[in-house]
Amino acid sequence: RKLHETPAAPALARVLELVVDGDRHQEVLSAAL
């Protein structure tokens, strides 16, 4: 119930913001390459 009631989009947006602000997304891209 808690997982269904919790909106996923804001939580995912916050996680991605933290990743982008710390340049972690570039590290992920480098690892993928």
PDB file of all heavy atoms in Angstrom:
ATOM      1  N   ARG A   1       0.824  -1.205   0.000  1.00  0.00           N
ATOM      2  CA  ARG A   1       0.000   0.000   0.000  1.00  0.00           C
ATOM      3  C   ARG A   1       0.865   1.265   0.000  1.00  0.00           C
ATOM      4  O   ARG A   1       0.596   2.222  -0.733  1.00  0.00           O
ATOM      5  CB  ARG A   1      -0.927  -0.008   1.207  1.00  0.00           C
ATOM      6  CG  ARG A   1      -1.899   1.175   1.228  1.00  0.00           C
ATOM      7  CD  ARG A   1      -2.918   1.066   2.336  1.00  0.00           C
ATOM      8  NE  ARG A   1      -2.305   1.206   3.658  1.00  0.00           N
ATOM      9  CZ  ARG A   1      -2.119   0.207   4.499  1.00  0.00           C
ATOM     10  NH1 ARG A   1      -2.490  -1.033   4.161  1.00  0.00           N
ATOM     11  NH2 ARG A   1      -1.564   0.406   5.683  1.00  0.00           N
ATOM     12  N   LYS A   2       1.907   1.258   0.844  1.00  0.00           N
ATOM     13  CA  LYS A   2       2.774   2.427   0.914  1.00  0.00           C
ATOM     14  C   LYS A   2       3.486   2.676  -0.415  1.00  0.00           C
ATOM     15  O   LYS A   2       3.611   3.827  -0.863  1.00  0.00           O
ATOM     16  CB  LYS A   2       3.797   2.251   2.034  1.00  0.00           C
ATOM     17  CG  LYS A   2       3.214   2.347   3.427  1.00  0.00           C
ATOM     18  CD  LYS A   2       2.625   3.714   3.695  1.00  0.00           C
ATOM     19  CE  LYS A   2       2.095   3.839   5.103  1.00  0.00           C
ATOM     20  NZ  LYS A   2       1.459   5.165   5.351  1.00  0.00           N
ATOM     21  N   LEU A   3       3.935   1.597  -1.056  1.00  0.00           N
ATOM     22  CA  LEU A   3       4.622   1.763  -2.335  1.00  0.00           C
ATOM     23  C   LEU A   3       3.660   2.243  -3.420  1.00  0.00           C
ATOM     24  O   LEU A   3       4.025   3.074  -4.265  1.00  0.00           O
ATOM     25  CB  LEU A   3       5.268   0.443  -2.756  1.00  0.00           C
ATOM     26  CG  LEU A   3       6.469  -0.003  -1.917  1.00  0.00           C
ATOM     27  CD1 LEU A   3       6.962  -1.362  -2.373  1.00  0.00           C
ATOM     28  CD2 LEU A   3       7.601   1.014  -2.015  1.00  0.00           C
ATOM     29  N   HIS A   4       2.435   1.737  -3.399  1.00  0.00           N
ATOM     30  CA  HIS A   4       1.467   2.183  -4.389  1.00  0.00           C
ATOM     31  C   HIS A   4       1.047   3.636  -4.140  1.00  0.00           C
ATOM     32  O   HIS A   4       0.798   4.389  -5.089  1.00  0.00           O
ATOM     33  CB  HIS A   4       0.224   1.280  -4.361  1.00  0.00           C
ATOM     34  CG  HIS A   4       0.368   0.051  -5.204  1.00  0.00           C
ATOM     35  ND1 HIS A   4       0.892  -1.135  -4.721  1.00  0.00           N
ATOM     36  CD2 HIS A   4       0.076  -0.180  -6.523  1.00  0.00           C
ATOM     37  CE1 HIS A   4       0.899  -2.043  -5.686  1.00  0.00           C
ATOM     38  NE2 HIS A   4       0.411  -1.499  -6.788  1.00  0.00           N
ATOM     39  N   GLU A   5       0.952   4.024  -2.868  1.00  0.00           N
ATOM     40  CA  GLU A   5       0.508   5.374  -2.551  1.00  0.00           C
ATOM     41  C   GLU A   5       1.591   6.421  -2.766  1.00  0.00           C
ATOM     42  O   GLU A   5       1.291   7.603  -2.919  1.00  0.00           O
ATOM     43  CB  GLU A   5       0.034   5.437  -1.092  1.00  0.00           C
ATOM     44  CG  GLU A   5      -1.250   4.643  -0.827  1.00  0.00           C
ATOM     45  CD  GLU A   5      -1.615   4.634   0.647  1.00  0.00           C
ATOM     46  OE1 GLU A   5      -0.779   5.116   1.461  1.00  0.00           O
ATOM     47  OE2 GLU A   5      -2.703   4.140   0.985  1.00  0.00           O
ATOM     48  N   THR A   6       2.852   6.003  -2.751  1.00  0.00           N
ATOM     49  CA  THR A   6       3.957   6.966  -2.899  1.00  0.00           C
ATOM     50  C   THR A   6       4.184   7.266  -4.378  1.00  0.00           C
ATOM     51  O   THR A   6       4.491   6.348  -5.157  1.00  0.00           O
ATOM     52  CB  THR A   6       5.243   6.399  -2.282  1.00  0.00           C
ATOM     53  OG1 THR A   6       5.013   6.074  -0.909  1.00  0.00           O
ATOM     54  CG2 THR A   6       6.372   7.406  -2.387  1.00  0.00           C
ATOM     55  N   PRO A   7       4.045   8.504  -4.824  1.00  0.00           N
ATOM     56  CA  PRO A   7       4.294   8.838  -6.235  1.00  0.00           C
ATOM     57  C   PRO A   7       5.732   8.530  -6.625  1.00  0.00           C
ATOM     58  O   PRO A   7       6.678   8.902  -5.918  1.00  0.00           O
ATOM     59  CB  PRO A   7       3.994  10.336  -6.311  1.00  0.00           C
ATOM     60  CG  PRO A   7       3.144  10.630  -5.108  1.00  0.00           C
ATOM     61  CD  PRO A   7       3.603   9.678  -4.050  1.00  0.00           C
ATOM     62  N   ALA A   8       5.890   7.850  -7.752  1.00  0.00           N
ATOM     63  CA  ALA A   8       7.230   7.439  -8.160  1.00  0.00           C
ATOM     64  C   ALA A   8       7.981   8.551  -8.875  1.00  0.00           C
ATOM     65  O   ALA A   8       9.208   8.674  -8.749  1.00  0.00           O
ATOM     66  CB  ALA A   8       7.141   6.209  -9.061  1.00  0.00           C
ATOM     67  N   ALA A   9       7.268   9.382  -9.645  1.00  0.00           N
ATOM     68  CA  ALA A   9       7.947  10.399 -10.456  1.00  0.00           C
ATOM     69  C   ALA A   9       8.734  11.400  -9.606  1.00  0.00           C
ATOM     70  O   ALA A   9       9.913  11.662  -9.902  1.00  0.00           O
ATOM     71  CB  ALA A   9       6.932  11.122 -11.347  1.00  0.00           C
ATOM     72  N   PRO A  10       8.163  11.999  -8.547  1.00  0.00           N
ATOM     73  CA  PRO A  10       8.967  12.930  -7.735  1.00  0.00           C
ATOM     74  C   PRO A  10      10.171  12.257  -7.080  1.00  0.00           C
ATOM     75  O   PRO A  10      11.241  12.860  -6.989  1.00  0.00           O
ATOM     76  CB  PRO A  10       7.968  13.418  -6.676  1.00  0.00           C
ATOM     77  CG  PRO A  10       6.622  13.207  -7.294  1.00  0.00           C
ATOM     78  CD  PRO A  10       6.761  11.974  -8.112  1.00  0.00           C
ATOM     79  N   ALA A  11       9.986  11.014  -6.620  1.00  0.00           N
ATOM     80  CA  ALA A  11      11.111  10.322  -5.994  1.00  0.00           C
ATOM     81  C   ALA A  11      12.214  10.055  -7.008  1.00  0.00           C
ATOM     82  O   ALA A  11      13.406  10.256  -6.725  1.00  0.00           O
ATOM     83  CB  ALA A  11      10.624   9.011  -5.372  1.00  0.00           C
ATOM     84  N   LEU A  12      11.823   9.596  -8.202  1.00  0.00           N
ATOM     85  CA  LEU A  12      12.825   9.355  -9.238  1.00  0.00           C
ATOM     86  C   LEU A  12      13.500  10.652  -9.651  1.00  0.00           C
ATOM     87  O   LEU A  12      14.723  10.694  -9.869  1.00  0.00           O
ATOM     88  CB  LEU A  12      12.154   8.698 -10.449  1.00  0.00           C
ATOM     89  CG  LEU A  12      13.059   8.405 -11.642  1.00  0.00           C
ATOM     90  CD1 LEU A  12      14.196   7.470 -11.239  1.00  0.00           C
ATOM     91  CD2 LEU A  12      12.245   7.785 -12.793  1.00  0.00           C
ATOM     92  N   ALA A  13      12.723  11.739  -9.752  1.00  0.00           N
ATOM     93  CA  ALA A  13      13.313  13.031 -10.103  1.00  0.00           C
ATOM     94  C   ALA A  13      14.328  13.471  -9.070  1.00  0.00           C
ATOM     95  O   ALA A  13      15.411  13.985  -9.406  1.00  0.00           O
ATOM     96  CB  ALA A  13      12.205  14.083 -10.238  1.00  0.00           C
ATOM     97  N   ARG A  14      14.026  13.266  -7.798  1.00  0.00           N
ATOM     98  CA  ARG A  14      14.960  13.666  -6.751  1.00  0.00           C
ATOM     99  C   ARG A  14      16.237  12.840  -6.812  1.00  0.00           C
ATOM    100  O   ARG A  14      17.347  13.375  -6.658  1.00  0.00           O
ATOM    101  CB  ARG A  14      14.285  13.505  -5.385  1.00  0.00           C
ATOM    102  CG  ARG A  14      15.173  13.885  -4.211  1.00  0.00           C
ATOM    103  CD  ARG A  14      15.655  15.297  -4.333  1.00  0.00           C
ATOM    104  NE  ARG A  14      16.546  15.677  -3.257  1.00  0.00           N
ATOM    105  CZ  ARG A  14      17.401  16.661  -3.306  1.00  0.00           C
ATOM    106  NH1 ARG A  14      17.526  17.399  -4.434  1.00  0.00           N
ATOM    107  NH2 ARG A  14      18.174  16.960  -2.283  1.00  0.00           N
ATOM    108  N   VAL A  15      16.105  11.557  -7.050  1.00  0.00           N
ATOM    109  CA  VAL A  15      17.289  10.697  -7.157  1.00  0.00           C
ATOM    110  C   VAL A  15      18.164  11.134  -8.319  1.00  0.00           C
ATOM    111  O   VAL A  15      19.403  11.252  -8.198  1.00  0.00           O
ATOM    112  CB  VAL A  15      16.857   9.222  -7.309  1.00  0.00           C
ATOM    113  CG1 VAL A  15      18.062   8.338  -7.642  1.00  0.00           C
ATOM    114  CG2 VAL A  15      16.189   8.725  -6.030  1.00  0.00           C
ATOM    115  N   LEU A  16      17.523  11.376  -9.482  1.00  0.00           N
ATOM    116  CA  LEU A  16      18.309  11.802 -10.648  1.00  0.00           C
ATOM    117  C   LEU A  16      18.948  13.170 -10.425  1.00  0.00           C
ATOM    118  O   LEU A  16      20.059  13.431 -10.917  1.00  0.00           O
ATOM    119  CB  LEU A  16      17.405  11.838 -11.880  1.00  0.00           C
ATOM    120  CG  LEU A  16      16.891  10.471 -12.354  1.00  0.00           C
ATOM    121  CD1 LEU A  16      15.964  10.636 -13.556  1.00  0.00           C
ATOM    122  CD2 LEU A  16      18.063   9.554 -12.702  1.00  0.00           C
ATOM    123  N   GLU A  17      18.265  14.064  -9.726  1.00  0.00           N
ATOM    124  CA  GLU A  17      18.857  15.365  -9.402  1.00  0.00           C
ATOM    125  C   GLU A  17      20.126  15.202  -8.582  1.00  0.00           C
ATOM    126  O   GLU A  17      21.146  15.871  -8.823  1.00  0.00           O
ATOM    127  CB  GLU A  17      17.860  16.226  -8.643  1.00  0.00           C
ATOM    128  CG  GLU A  17      16.814  16.884  -9.526  1.00  0.00           C
ATOM    129  CD  GLU A  17      15.833  17.700  -8.701  1.00  0.00           C
ATOM    130  OE1 GLU A  17      15.816  17.514  -7.463  1.00  0.00           O
ATOM    131  OE2 GLU A  17      15.087  18.497  -9.285  1.00  0.00           O
ATOM    132  N   LEU A  18      20.065  14.338  -7.592  1.00  0.00           N
ATOM    133  CA  LEU A  18      21.256  14.095  -6.772  1.00  0.00           C
ATOM    134  C   LEU A  18      22.383  13.516  -7.611  1.00  0.00           C
ATOM    135  O   LEU A  18      23.564  13.864  -7.420  1.00  0.00           O
ATOM    136  CB  LEU A  18      20.899  13.131  -5.626  1.00  0.00           C
ATOM    137  CG  LEU A  18      19.924  13.680  -4.580  1.00  0.00           C
ATOM    138  CD1 LEU A  18      19.563  12.589  -3.566  1.00  0.00           C
ATOM    139  CD2 LEU A  18      20.536  14.873  -3.848  1.00  0.00           C
ATOM    140  N   VAL A  19      22.032  12.620  -8.512  1.00  0.00           N
ATOM    141  CA  VAL A  19      23.049  12.021  -9.380  1.00  0.00           C
ATOM    142  C   VAL A  19      23.674  13.078 -10.289  1.00  0.00           C
ATOM    143  O   VAL A  19      24.898  13.156 -10.441  1.00  0.00           O
ATOM    144  CB  VAL A  19      22.422  10.871 -10.205  1.00  0.00           C
ATOM    145  CG1 VAL A  19      23.403  10.397 -11.279  1.00  0.00           C
ATOM    146  CG2 VAL A  19      22.013   9.726  -9.304  1.00  0.00           C
ATOM    147  N   VAL A  20      22.821  13.922 -10.903  1.00  0.00           N
ATOM    148  CA  VAL A  20      23.325  14.933 -11.832  1.00  0.00           C
ATOM    149  C   VAL A  20      24.134  15.992 -11.107  1.00  0.00           C
ATOM    150  O   VAL A  20      25.208  16.404 -11.572  1.00  0.00           O
ATOM    151  CB  VAL A  20      22.146  15.570 -12.599  1.00  0.00           C
ATOM    152  CG1 VAL A  20      22.624  16.767 -13.420  1.00  0.00           C
ATOM    153  CG2 VAL A  20      21.488  14.544 -13.501  1.00  0.00           C
ATOM    154  N   ASP A  21      23.645  16.451  -9.948  1.00  0.00           N
ATOM    155  CA  ASP A  21      24.357  17.492  -9.213  1.00  0.00           C
ATOM    156  C   ASP A  21      25.747  17.036  -8.785  1.00  0.00           C
ATOM    157  O   ASP A  21      26.657  17.859  -8.669  1.00  0.00           O
ATOM    158  CB  ASP A  21      23.540  17.903  -7.980  1.00  0.00           C
ATOM    159  CG  ASP A  21      22.274  18.651  -8.370  1.00  0.00           C
ATOM    160  OD1 ASP A  21      22.202  19.135  -9.519  1.00  0.00           O
ATOM    161  OD2 ASP A  21      21.360  18.739  -7.522  1.00  0.00           O
ATOM    162  N   GLY A  22      25.922  15.771  -8.553  1.00  0.00           N
ATOM    163  CA  GLY A  22      27.237  15.275  -8.157  1.00  0.00           C
ATOM    164  C   GLY A  22      28.042  14.724  -9.306  1.00  0.00           C
ATOM    165  O   GLY A  22      29.097  14.112  -9.096  1.00  0.00           O
ATOM    166  N   ASP A  23      27.573  14.936 -10.541  1.00  0.00           N
ATOM    167  CA  ASP A  23      28.242  14.417 -11.742  1.00  0.00           C
ATOM    168  C   ASP A  23      28.374  12.904 -11.721  1.00  0.00           C
ATOM    169  O   ASP A  23      29.217  12.334 -12.428  1.00  0.00           O
ATOM    170  CB  ASP A  23      29.631  15.056 -11.926  1.00  0.00           C
ATOM    171  CG  ASP A  23      29.571  16.311 -12.791  1.00  0.00           C
ATOM    172  OD1 ASP A  23      28.515  16.518 -13.416  1.00  0.00           O
ATOM    173  OD2 ASP A  23      30.551  17.057 -12.825  1.00  0.00           O
ATOM    174  N   ARG A  24      27.540  12.269 -10.957  1.00  0.00           N
ATOM    175  CA  ARG A  24      27.592  10.809 -10.912  1.00  0.00           C
ATOM    176  C   ARG A  24      27.110  10.212 -12.231  1.00  0.00           C
ATOM    177  O   ARG A  24      27.520   9.103 -12.604  1.00  0.00           O
ATOM    178  CB  ARG A  24      26.723  10.285  -9.764  1.00  0.00           C
ATOM    179  CG  ARG A  24      27.167  10.756  -8.396  1.00  0.00           C
ATOM    180  CD  ARG A  24      28.548  10.282  -8.071  1.00  0.00           C
ATOM    181  NE  ARG A  24      28.959  10.696  -6.735  1.00  0.00           N
ATOM    182  CZ  ARG A  24      30.184  10.505  -6.237  1.00  0.00           C
ATOM    183  NH1 ARG A  24      31.108   9.952  -6.986  1.00  0.00           N
ATOM    184  NH2 ARG A  24      30.487  10.916  -5.019  1.00  0.00           N
ATOM    185  N   HIS A  25      26.248  10.948 -12.950  1.00  0.00           N
ATOM    186  CA  HIS A  25      25.751  10.417 -14.220  1.00  0.00           C
ATOM    187  C   HIS A  25      26.876  10.306 -15.242  1.00  0.00           C
ATOM    188  O   HIS A  25      26.869   9.403 -16.085  1.00  0.00           O
ATOM    189  CB  HIS A  25      24.617  11.293 -14.741  1.00  0.00           C
ATOM    190  CG  HIS A  25      25.015  12.691 -15.063  1.00  0.00           C
ATOM    191  ND1 HIS A  25      25.675  13.520 -14.173  1.00  0.00           N
ATOM    192  CD2 HIS A  25      24.864  13.431 -16.218  1.00  0.00           C
ATOM    193  CE1 HIS A  25      25.891  14.689 -14.738  1.00  0.00           C
ATOM    194  NE2 HIS A  25      25.399  14.665 -15.985  1.00  0.00           N
ATOM    195  N   GLN A  26      27.843  11.212 -15.179  1.00  0.00           N
ATOM    196  CA  GLN A  26      28.990  11.108 -16.084  1.00  0.00           C
ATOM    197  C   GLN A  26      29.862   9.907 -15.719  1.00  0.00           C
ATOM    198  O   GLN A  26      30.415   9.243 -16.613  1.00  0.00           O
ATOM    199  CB  GLN A  26      29.808  12.403 -16.035  1.00  0.00           C
ATOM    200  CG  GLN A  26      29.066  13.642 -16.502  1.00  0.00           C
ATOM    201  CD  GLN A  26      28.729  13.602 -17.989  1.00  0.00           C
ATOM    202  OE1 GLN A  26      29.171  12.706 -18.729  1.00  0.00           O
ATOM    203  NE2 GLN A  26      27.932  14.564 -18.446  1.00  0.00           N
ATOM    204  N   GLU A  27      29.985   9.650 -14.433  1.00  0.00           N
ATOM    205  CA  GLU A  27      30.748   8.463 -14.028  1.00  0.00           C
ATOM    206  C   GLU A  27      30.050   7.192 -14.512  1.00  0.00           C
ATOM    207  O   GLU A  27      30.699   6.236 -14.931  1.00  0.00           O
ATOM    208  CB  GLU A  27      30.895   8.440 -12.513  1.00  0.00           C
ATOM    209  CG  GLU A  27      31.714   9.591 -11.957  1.00  0.00           C
ATOM    210  CD  GLU A  27      31.793   9.540 -10.440  1.00  0.00           C
ATOM    211  OE1 GLU A  27      31.343   8.525  -9.857  1.00  0.00           O
ATOM    212  OE2 GLU A  27      32.295  10.507  -9.845  1.00  0.00           O
ATOM    213  N   VAL A  28      28.718   7.210 -14.452  1.00  0.00           N
ATOM    214  CA  VAL A  28      27.965   6.060 -14.949  1.00  0.00           C
ATOM    215  C   VAL A  28      28.193   5.888 -16.458  1.00  0.00           C
ATOM    216  O   VAL A  28      28.372   4.767 -16.956  1.00  0.00           O
ATOM    217  CB  VAL A  28      26.462   6.236 -14.646  1.00  0.00           C
ATOM    218  CG1 VAL A  28      25.643   5.150 -15.332  1.00  0.00           C
ATOM    219  CG2 VAL A  28      26.222   6.211 -13.153  1.00  0.00           C
ATOM    220  N   LEU A  29      28.162   7.013 -17.185  1.00  0.00           N
ATOM    221  CA  LEU A  29      28.398   6.946 -18.634  1.00  0.00           C
ATOM    222  C   LEU A  29      29.792   6.410 -18.944  1.00  0.00           C
ATOM    223  O   LEU A  29      29.975   5.575 -19.844  1.00  0.00           O
ATOM    224  CB  LEU A  29      28.218   8.334 -19.248  1.00  0.00           C
ATOM    225  CG  LEU A  29      28.490   8.435 -20.752  1.00  0.00           C
ATOM    226  CD1 LEU A  29      27.547   7.517 -21.537  1.00  0.00           C
ATOM    227  CD2 LEU A  29      28.357   9.875 -21.237  1.00  0.00           C
ATOM    228  N   SER A  30      30.811   6.884 -18.196  1.00  0.00           N
ATOM    229  CA  SER A  30      32.176   6.408 -18.421  1.00  0.00           C
ATOM    230  C   SER A  30      32.276   4.913 -18.159  1.00  0.00           C
ATOM    231  O   SER A  30      32.910   4.170 -18.937  1.00  0.00           O
ATOM    232  CB  SER A  30      33.147   7.161 -17.515  1.00  0.00           C
ATOM    233  OG  SER A  30      33.137   8.548 -17.814  1.00  0.00           O
ATOM    234  N   ALA A  31      31.639   4.462 -17.088  1.00  0.00           N
ATOM    235  CA  ALA A  31      31.662   3.032 -16.792  1.00  0.00           C
ATOM    236  C   ALA A  31      30.946   2.247 -17.878  1.00  0.00           C
ATOM    237  O   ALA A  31      31.412   1.157 -18.282  1.00  0.00           O
ATOM    238  CB  ALA A  31      31.004   2.779 -15.430  1.00  0.00           C
ATOM    239  N   ALA A  32      29.828   2.779 -18.400  1.00  0.00           N
ATOM    240  CA  ALA A  32      29.103   2.092 -19.466  1.00  0.00           C
ATOM    241  C   ALA A  32      29.945   1.998 -20.733  1.00  0.00           C
ATOM    242  O   ALA A  32      29.956   0.973 -21.431  1.00  0.00           O
ATOM    243  CB  ALA A  32      27.782   2.812 -19.741  1.00  0.00           C
ATOM    244  N   LEU A  33      30.670   3.079 -21.044  1.00  0.00           N
ATOM    245  CA  LEU A  33      31.535   3.062 -22.234  1.00  0.00           C
ATOM    246  C   LEU A  33      32.652   2.032 -22.082  1.00  0.00           C
ATOM    247  O   LEU A  33      32.988   1.322 -23.050  1.00  0.00           O
ATOM    248  CB  LEU A  33      32.118   4.456 -22.466  1.00  0.00           C
ATOM    249  CG  LEU A  33      31.109   5.538 -22.891  1.00  0.00           C
ATOM    250  CD1 LEU A  33      31.782   6.903 -22.911  1.00  0.00           C
ATOM    251  CD2 LEU A  33      30.507   5.221 -24.261  1.00  0.00           C
TER     252      LEU A  33
END
